[in-house]
Amino acid sequence: MPALGAAAISGGALLVVYVATLAPSVTLWDSGEFLAAIHALGVPHPPGTPLFVYASNAWAQAFGWLPFAVAVNLASAVATATSAGCFAWLFTRWTGRALVGVAGALVGGGMAAVWQSATETEVYALATLAVALALVAADVAGTRWSVRHRVLIAFLFGLAVPLHISVLVAGPAVILLASSDRSGAMSVRAALAPAAAWCVAVGLGTVSALPLLAGGMLALVASVAPDGQDGTRSRRAAWLSLLVTMLGASFVVVMLVRARHDPAVNAGFPTTWTSLVDIVARRQYDVPPLWPRRAPLWLQLGNVVQYADWQVALGLSDAPGPSPWRTPITLVFAALGIAGSVWHSRVDRRSWKAMGLLLLCATLGVVTVLNLRAGPSFGWGVLPVDALREARERDYFFALAFLVAGLWCGCGIVALRDRLPRGMREIVMLLAVAPIALNWRGVDRRRVPDDTLAGDFAHALLRPLPAKAVLVVAGDNDSFPLWYAQEVEALRTDVTAVTIPLLGAGWYRAELARRHALLPADVVERWQGLPATLAAIGAAARRDGRPLMVAVSVEPDDRDAVAPGEGWRLEGMAYSRLGGGAASAGPLVDSVSVARAALSRAGALAGDGHLPSARDPAGRYVQRLLQCPAVALRYVRAGDSGARRLLESACNFR
């Protein structure tokens, strides 16, 4: 009962926190694409995450009285709060202290990366829940030598394939728990079946033969090994585990069926087994090998240390580097985490080993396998100035590690409490809620202007466009909010958005040809370079008499490639083609439309001193784009003869 109480208290408290800071609409980055795919039961970017898509759609329908985005965002909040409750339950069982479970869950659930995923539409919240459930099943499997729970673990490993393979990061820790009893004694026989299931899931999730072969070999060994007196019954569990693993993984086939109906979001167009495998294997992207490293290993680990510094007190400073306000608090909690780990090792060695292994896999393991480039704000002065970097900060990849570290911080807080006089014990327990208080300002998604910035940007781009326009946009944070607005809100569905970075993918060119007749067959079948592809899109739009528009975020060279030799006029948040070979020294400005855009709600969100800057770099980028109409208007009113050239540098922020 104490364990259930700790789970209910910590999970319930965190749910209140997450709901209070929940995004009220679509957010930047992948949220817009996911929401559109969930609404259409479509296929988002590889690996497709169909279990996330369909589970979220079912959840949204159950909460149909809420706005669609709010309902799906709420699913993330509930999943993360439930995950924290599961960890509270585990730590209470392991240590015999409900206070440890509650304190650890509150600190872990209050970590910035964990919290941020809990308040928007993202797959990582549901993936964290799958990890927590697998650990719960593993703990019961080990303490009861339960074959049923080991089979359940295998099924959860299989579900990681259609959900997200980040769940499999926890595999070694889950196997360790499932194959060791309360005393910590480990049975290799008991480990065989879950290890085989994990290898098979890794192989299916990455489309790799070696893990599949290893899984088959482990299952074969388990099937011929004699059953032990400890009740592990390896032969009974071996092939059943593989069967349920493949059953869970088989949900990816839903993409093959659904793609043939061509839903609004249909990334990769997986209508054949080959294209389905390409989606699961993420072959659209440059999946790096383990070697060579895309950045020095020490720098990749340093990037994780940088992200760790953001987790406890982000509300005090969002500076990417060390902060005199935030970093000392990070160091205090690092010391609490180390002390908590030592305390945990003394109380329950078995679970301490499992959590240590989980932390190792979620840090060094993730760094090794993903082989990330340096983050946008890290490694300057070390790497060459022109070195390729990640498109965004990847702190969310390490959210599970920060959650585990927070759990140990909770152990450290309770260990410190036990050493203090009675009068100070309650005061020190406030440290358990300190990350929630210190992070609130940094992660609150209801903070203006972050609350509706993505949606307002989509409206600012779409609403003023002429009927049946073709709109060329620059990337994720330009196109994904548009997809959401068109699919979920049914806003300006007559407009065709063309996303430049996707043009290199054959399936996307085929989609533009199939749905909108914007590309000829030869350009679809063979990549002819970006300028030629953009010119073909512009020519098709002119042929069909469709207005050709280019978002302010598009580079001038790419804009000129859409309509070579022709001029452009800024109309609100997009340039329109002048036509007739009206090339000019720079773009003209439609003063009426830019004035209207500058005075709109979206224009107000640009942040002219009356509102704060957006918290996230992507949000600040969008704010700068929203400033373009106001900048253009000032140039026009000033009668600046160089306004057109100045506008080029002011309104193309990359």
Foldseek 3Di string as FASTA:
>chain_A
DLLLVLLCVQLVVQLVLLLQQAFLAAFFDCQLQLLLCLLQVAAAAFPRLSVLSPVLNVQCVVVVVGASFQSSLSVLQNLLSNLLSLQLSVVCVQQVDSLLSNLLSLQLCLWQLNSQSSRGRDLVSNLSSLLSVLQSLLQCLAAVVDLVSLLVNLLSLLLCQSRPNLSLLLQVLSLLSNQHHQQSDGDPLLSLQSQLSSLCSVCQQQVHDVSPVVSVVSLVVSLPDDDDPVRNNSNVNRVSSNVSSNVSNVVLCVLLVVLVVPTPHYPQSNVDPVSSSCRSNSVVDDQDALPDFLAPLVQLLVLLVLLLLCTQFVLVDVDSHDDPVRNVVSVVLLVLLVQLLVVSCVSGVSSSVSLVSSLCSLRVVCCSRRSAAHAPPGDPVNDDPPRDHDPHRPSSSNSSNSSSSSSSSSSSLVVVLVPDPPVCNVVSSVSSNNSSVNCCNLNRCCAPPNSCLLLVLLCQVQVVDDFLAEEEEEDRSNVSSVSSCCSSVVGRVSYHYHYQVCLVPLVSVVVCCVPPVQADPVCSVDPPDQLVSLCSNLVRCVVVVHWYKYFLQDAPVSVCSNPPQWAWEDFRGIITTPDPSHHDPFYHYDLVRLVVLCPDPNVVSLCPPPGDQDSGPSSPVSSQSSCLSVLLNVCVVVVPPCSRVVSNVSRHDD
